[in-house]
């Protein structure tokens, strides 16, 4: 999934991922610059394993600042298995 930052600067205050499937699944998270693509250079969390019904809070992501055009990119090992929620605040 992709969450685009439309604000001047957004600070990520919380991000969670919950595995709603009946089997373990993994998730990777990238913080991508404007015009860029997800890759090893912007990988923040690599294949974090989530057990069924587990929720992970991503302490690695909290506090990151996103400028206009930067975005969060996620990749799960199985489609429709992980639900993601992110929240933050704008600094102008």
N, C-alpha and C. Protein backbone atom coordinates (compact mmCIF):
# COMPACT_ATOMS: atom_id res chain seq x y z
N UNK A 1 0.82 -1.18 0.00
CA UNK A 1 0.00 0.00 0.00
C UNK A 1 0.86 1.23 0.00
N UNK A 2 0.29 2.32 -0.40
CA UNK A 2 1.02 3.58 -0.47
C UNK A 2 0.22 4.66 0.21
N UNK A 3 0.86 5.44 1.10
CA UNK A 3 0.25 6.58 1.77
C UNK A 3 1.08 7.79 1.39
N UNK A 4 0.51 8.71 0.61
CA UNK A 4 1.25 9.88 0.16
C UNK A 4 1.12 11.02 1.17
N UNK A 5 2.19 11.72 1.40
CA UNK A 5 2.21 12.86 2.30
C UNK A 5 1.90 14.12 1.50
N UNK A 6 0.78 14.77 1.78
CA UNK A 6 0.39 15.97 1.05
C UNK A 6 0.68 17.24 1.83
N UNK A 7 1.18 17.12 3.04
CA UNK A 7 1.42 18.27 3.89
C UNK A 7 2.86 18.77 3.74
N UNK A 8 3.13 20.02 4.20
CA UNK A 8 4.52 20.50 4.13
C UNK A 8 5.49 19.55 4.83
N UNK A 9 5.24 19.21 6.09
CA UNK A 9 6.02 18.19 6.81
C UNK A 9 5.06 17.45 7.72
N UNK A 10 5.11 16.13 7.67
CA UNK A 10 4.30 15.31 8.57
C UNK A 10 5.21 14.43 9.40
N UNK A 11 5.00 14.44 10.69
CA UNK A 11 5.74 13.59 11.61
C UNK A 11 4.88 12.36 11.89
N UNK A 12 5.46 11.18 11.74
CA UNK A 12 4.72 9.95 12.02
C UNK A 12 4.73 9.73 13.53
N UNK A 13 3.55 9.73 14.13
CA UNK A 13 3.42 9.53 15.57
C UNK A 13 3.12 8.08 15.92
N UNK A 14 2.43 7.38 15.04
CA UNK A 14 2.08 5.99 15.32
C UNK A 14 1.82 5.27 14.00
N UNK A 15 2.25 4.02 13.94
CA UNK A 15 1.94 3.17 12.80
C UNK A 15 1.79 1.75 13.32
N UNK A 16 0.70 1.10 12.93
CA UNK A 16 0.47 -0.27 13.35
C UNK A 16 0.13 -1.14 12.15
N UNK A 17 0.42 -2.42 12.29
CA UNK A 17 0.04 -3.42 11.30
C UNK A 17 -0.53 -4.60 12.07
N UNK A 18 -1.68 -5.09 11.63
CA UNK A 18 -2.33 -6.23 12.27
C UNK A 18 -2.54 -7.32 11.24
N UNK A 19 -2.16 -8.53 11.59
CA UNK A 19 -2.34 -9.70 10.72
C UNK A 19 -3.70 -10.30 11.02
N UNK A 20 -4.63 -10.18 10.08
CA UNK A 20 -5.98 -10.71 10.24
C UNK A 20 -6.16 -12.09 9.63
N UNK A 21 -5.10 -12.68 9.12
CA UNK A 21 -5.20 -14.01 8.52
C UNK A 21 -5.01 -15.09 9.58
N UNK A 22 -5.15 -16.33 9.18
CA UNK A 22 -5.02 -17.46 10.11
C UNK A 22 -3.62 -18.05 10.10
N UNK A 23 -2.72 -17.47 9.31
CA UNK A 23 -1.33 -17.94 9.25
C UNK A 23 -0.40 -16.74 9.39
N UNK A 24 0.86 -17.00 9.73
CA UNK A 24 1.85 -15.93 9.85
C UNK A 24 2.03 -15.24 8.50
N UNK A 25 2.33 -13.95 8.55
CA UNK A 25 2.58 -13.16 7.34
C UNK A 25 3.70 -12.18 7.66
N UNK A 26 4.35 -11.66 6.62
CA UNK A 26 5.41 -10.68 6.82
C UNK A 26 5.05 -9.36 6.16
N UNK A 27 5.70 -8.30 6.66
CA UNK A 27 5.50 -6.98 6.08
C UNK A 27 6.85 -6.25 6.05
N UNK A 28 7.06 -5.52 4.96
CA UNK A 28 8.23 -4.65 4.83
C UNK A 28 7.73 -3.23 4.64
N UNK A 29 8.49 -2.25 5.15
CA UNK A 29 8.08 -0.84 5.07
C UNK A 29 9.25 0.00 4.56
N UNK A 30 8.96 0.83 3.58
CA UNK A 30 9.93 1.79 3.04
C UNK A 30 9.38 3.20 3.22
N UNK A 31 10.27 4.16 3.46
CA UNK A 31 9.94 5.58 3.44
C UNK A 31 10.62 6.16 2.20
N UNK A 32 9.80 6.52 1.20
CA UNK A 32 10.29 6.82 -0.14
C UNK A 32 10.24 8.32 -0.43
N UNK A 33 11.33 8.84 -1.01
CA UNK A 33 11.40 10.24 -1.40
C UNK A 33 10.58 10.52 -2.66
N UNK A 34 10.23 11.79 -2.83
CA UNK A 34 9.51 12.25 -4.01
C UNK A 34 10.21 11.77 -5.27
N UNK A 35 9.49 11.14 -6.17
CA UNK A 35 10.04 10.67 -7.43
C UNK A 35 10.81 9.37 -7.32
N UNK A 36 10.90 8.83 -6.11
CA UNK A 36 11.66 7.60 -5.90
C UNK A 36 10.79 6.37 -5.93
N UNK A 37 11.41 5.24 -5.62
CA UNK A 37 10.72 3.96 -5.57
C UNK A 37 11.22 3.20 -4.34
N UNK A 38 10.40 2.30 -3.85
CA UNK A 38 10.81 1.47 -2.73
C UNK A 38 12.00 0.62 -3.13
N UNK A 39 13.02 0.57 -2.27
CA UNK A 39 14.22 -0.22 -2.54
C UNK A 39 15.05 -0.36 -1.28
N UNK A 40 16.18 -1.00 -1.40
CA UNK A 40 17.02 -1.28 -0.23
C UNK A 40 17.53 0.00 0.44
N UNK A 41 17.68 1.08 -0.31
CA UNK A 41 18.20 2.32 0.24
C UNK A 41 17.24 3.05 1.15
N UNK A 42 15.93 2.75 1.07
CA UNK A 42 14.95 3.42 1.93
C UNK A 42 14.10 2.42 2.73
N UNK A 43 14.61 1.19 2.83
CA UNK A 43 13.92 0.15 3.60
C UNK A 43 14.13 0.40 5.09
N UNK A 44 13.04 0.49 5.84
CA UNK A 44 13.10 0.73 7.28
C UNK A 44 12.83 -0.55 8.06
N UNK A 45 11.85 -1.32 7.62
CA UNK A 45 11.51 -2.59 8.26
C UNK A 45 11.51 -3.67 7.18
N UNK A 46 12.31 -4.72 7.38
CA UNK A 46 12.42 -5.78 6.39
C UNK A 46 11.77 -7.08 6.89
N UNK A 47 10.77 -7.52 6.17
CA UNK A 47 10.06 -8.79 6.40
C UNK A 47 9.81 -9.09 7.88
N UNK A 48 9.16 -8.14 8.55
CA UNK A 48 8.74 -8.34 9.95
C UNK A 48 7.63 -9.40 9.97
N UNK A 49 7.85 -10.47 10.71
CA UNK A 49 6.87 -11.54 10.79
C UNK A 49 5.80 -11.21 11.82
N UNK A 50 4.54 -11.38 11.42
CA UNK A 50 3.39 -11.19 12.31
C UNK A 50 2.61 -12.50 12.39
N UNK A 51 2.40 -12.97 13.59
CA UNK A 51 1.59 -14.17 13.79
C UNK A 51 0.11 -13.82 13.62
N UNK A 52 -0.76 -14.80 13.43
CA UNK A 52 -2.20 -14.52 13.30
C UNK A 52 -2.70 -13.67 14.47
N UNK A 53 -3.45 -12.65 14.19
CA UNK A 53 -4.04 -11.67 15.12
C UNK A 53 -3.02 -10.77 15.81
N UNK A 54 -1.73 -10.88 15.50
CA UNK A 54 -0.72 -10.02 16.12
C UNK A 54 -0.76 -8.61 15.55
N UNK A 55 -0.57 -7.63 16.42
CA UNK A 55 -0.42 -6.24 16.02
C UNK A 55 0.98 -5.78 16.38
N UNK A 56 1.65 -5.11 15.43
CA UNK A 56 2.99 -4.58 15.65
C UNK A 56 2.93 -3.06 15.58
N UNK A 57 3.68 -2.36 16.43
CA UNK A 57 3.57 -0.90 16.53
C UNK A 57 4.69 -0.10 15.86
N UNK A 58 5.63 -0.73 15.21
CA UNK A 58 6.68 -0.06 14.42
C UNK A 58 7.40 1.07 15.15
N UNK A 59 8.11 0.79 16.24
CA UNK A 59 8.89 1.85 16.89
C UNK A 59 9.96 2.43 15.96
N UNK A 60 10.36 1.66 14.94
CA UNK A 60 11.38 2.12 13.97
C UNK A 60 10.89 3.28 13.12
N UNK A 61 9.57 3.44 13.00
CA UNK A 61 8.97 4.43 12.11
C UNK A 61 8.62 5.71 12.86
N UNK A 62 8.26 5.60 14.14
CA UNK A 62 7.81 6.74 14.93
C UNK A 62 8.89 7.83 14.95
N UNK A 63 8.45 9.05 14.67
CA UNK A 63 9.36 10.20 14.68
C UNK A 63 9.91 10.57 13.31
N UNK A 64 9.74 9.71 12.31
CA UNK A 64 10.20 10.06 10.97
C UNK A 64 9.38 11.22 10.42
N UNK A 65 10.04 12.10 9.67
CA UNK A 65 9.38 13.25 9.05
C UNK A 65 9.25 12.99 7.55
N UNK A 66 8.06 13.25 7.04
CA UNK A 66 7.80 13.13 5.61
C UNK A 66 7.52 14.52 5.04
N UNK A 67 8.25 14.89 4.00
CA UNK A 67 7.99 16.14 3.29
C UNK A 67 6.96 15.90 2.21
N UNK A 68 6.47 16.98 1.63
CA UNK A 68 5.49 16.86 0.56
C UNK A 68 6.01 15.95 -0.55
N UNK A 69 5.23 14.96 -0.92
CA UNK A 69 5.60 14.04 -1.98
C UNK A 69 6.26 12.76 -1.50
N UNK A 70 6.80 12.76 -0.31
CA UNK A 70 7.36 11.52 0.24
C UNK A 70 6.21 10.63 0.67
N UNK A 71 6.47 9.32 0.73
CA UNK A 71 5.38 8.42 1.09
C UNK A 71 5.88 7.15 1.77
N UNK A 72 4.94 6.49 2.43
CA UNK A 72 5.17 5.21 3.07
C UNK A 72 4.75 4.13 2.09
N UNK A 73 5.63 3.17 1.83
CA UNK A 73 5.32 2.04 0.95
C UNK A 73 5.42 0.77 1.77
N UNK A 74 4.41 -0.10 1.64
CA UNK A 74 4.41 -1.36 2.39
C UNK A 74 4.22 -2.53 1.44
N UNK A 75 4.79 -3.66 1.82
CA UNK A 75 4.63 -4.88 1.04
C UNK A 75 4.40 -6.04 2.00
N UNK A 76 3.26 -6.69 1.87
CA UNK A 76 2.94 -7.85 2.70
C UNK A 76 3.18 -9.13 1.91
N UNK A 77 3.46 -10.21 2.63
CA UNK A 77 3.74 -11.49 1.97
C UNK A 77 2.49 -12.14 1.39
N UNK A 78 1.33 -11.74 1.87
CA UNK A 78 0.07 -12.31 1.37
C UNK A 78 -0.95 -11.19 1.23
N UNK A 79 -1.61 -11.12 0.08
CA UNK A 79 -2.62 -10.09 -0.17
C UNK A 79 -3.75 -10.18 0.85
N UNK A 80 -4.23 -9.04 1.29
CA UNK A 80 -5.37 -8.92 2.20
C UNK A 80 -5.16 -9.56 3.56
N UNK A 81 -3.91 -9.80 3.96
CA UNK A 81 -3.67 -10.43 5.26
C UNK A 81 -3.36 -9.42 6.35
N UNK A 82 -2.79 -8.27 6.00
CA UNK A 82 -2.34 -7.30 6.99
C UNK A 82 -3.03 -5.96 6.77
N UNK A 83 -3.56 -5.41 7.86
CA UNK A 83 -4.17 -4.09 7.83
C UNK A 83 -3.21 -3.08 8.49
N UNK A 84 -3.04 -1.93 7.86
CA UNK A 84 -2.08 -0.92 8.32
C UNK A 84 -2.81 0.36 8.68
N UNK A 85 -2.33 1.00 9.74
CA UNK A 85 -2.86 2.31 10.13
C UNK A 85 -1.69 3.18 10.54
N UNK A 86 -1.68 4.41 10.01
CA UNK A 86 -0.61 5.36 10.37
C UNK A 86 -1.27 6.69 10.73
N UNK A 87 -0.68 7.37 11.69
CA UNK A 87 -1.17 8.69 12.06
C UNK A 87 0.01 9.59 12.40
N UNK A 88 -0.23 10.88 12.32
CA UNK A 88 0.84 11.82 12.60
C UNK A 88 0.31 13.23 12.73
N UNK A 89 1.24 14.17 12.62
CA UNK A 89 0.87 15.58 12.76
C UNK A 89 1.64 16.41 11.76
N UNK A 90 1.02 17.51 11.38
CA UNK A 90 1.65 18.44 10.43
C UNK A 90 2.45 19.48 11.18
N UNK A 91 3.62 19.76 10.65
CA UNK A 91 4.45 20.86 11.15
C UNK A 91 4.63 21.82 9.99
N UNK A 92 4.22 23.07 10.19
CA UNK A 92 4.32 24.04 9.11
C UNK A 92 5.26 25.16 9.48
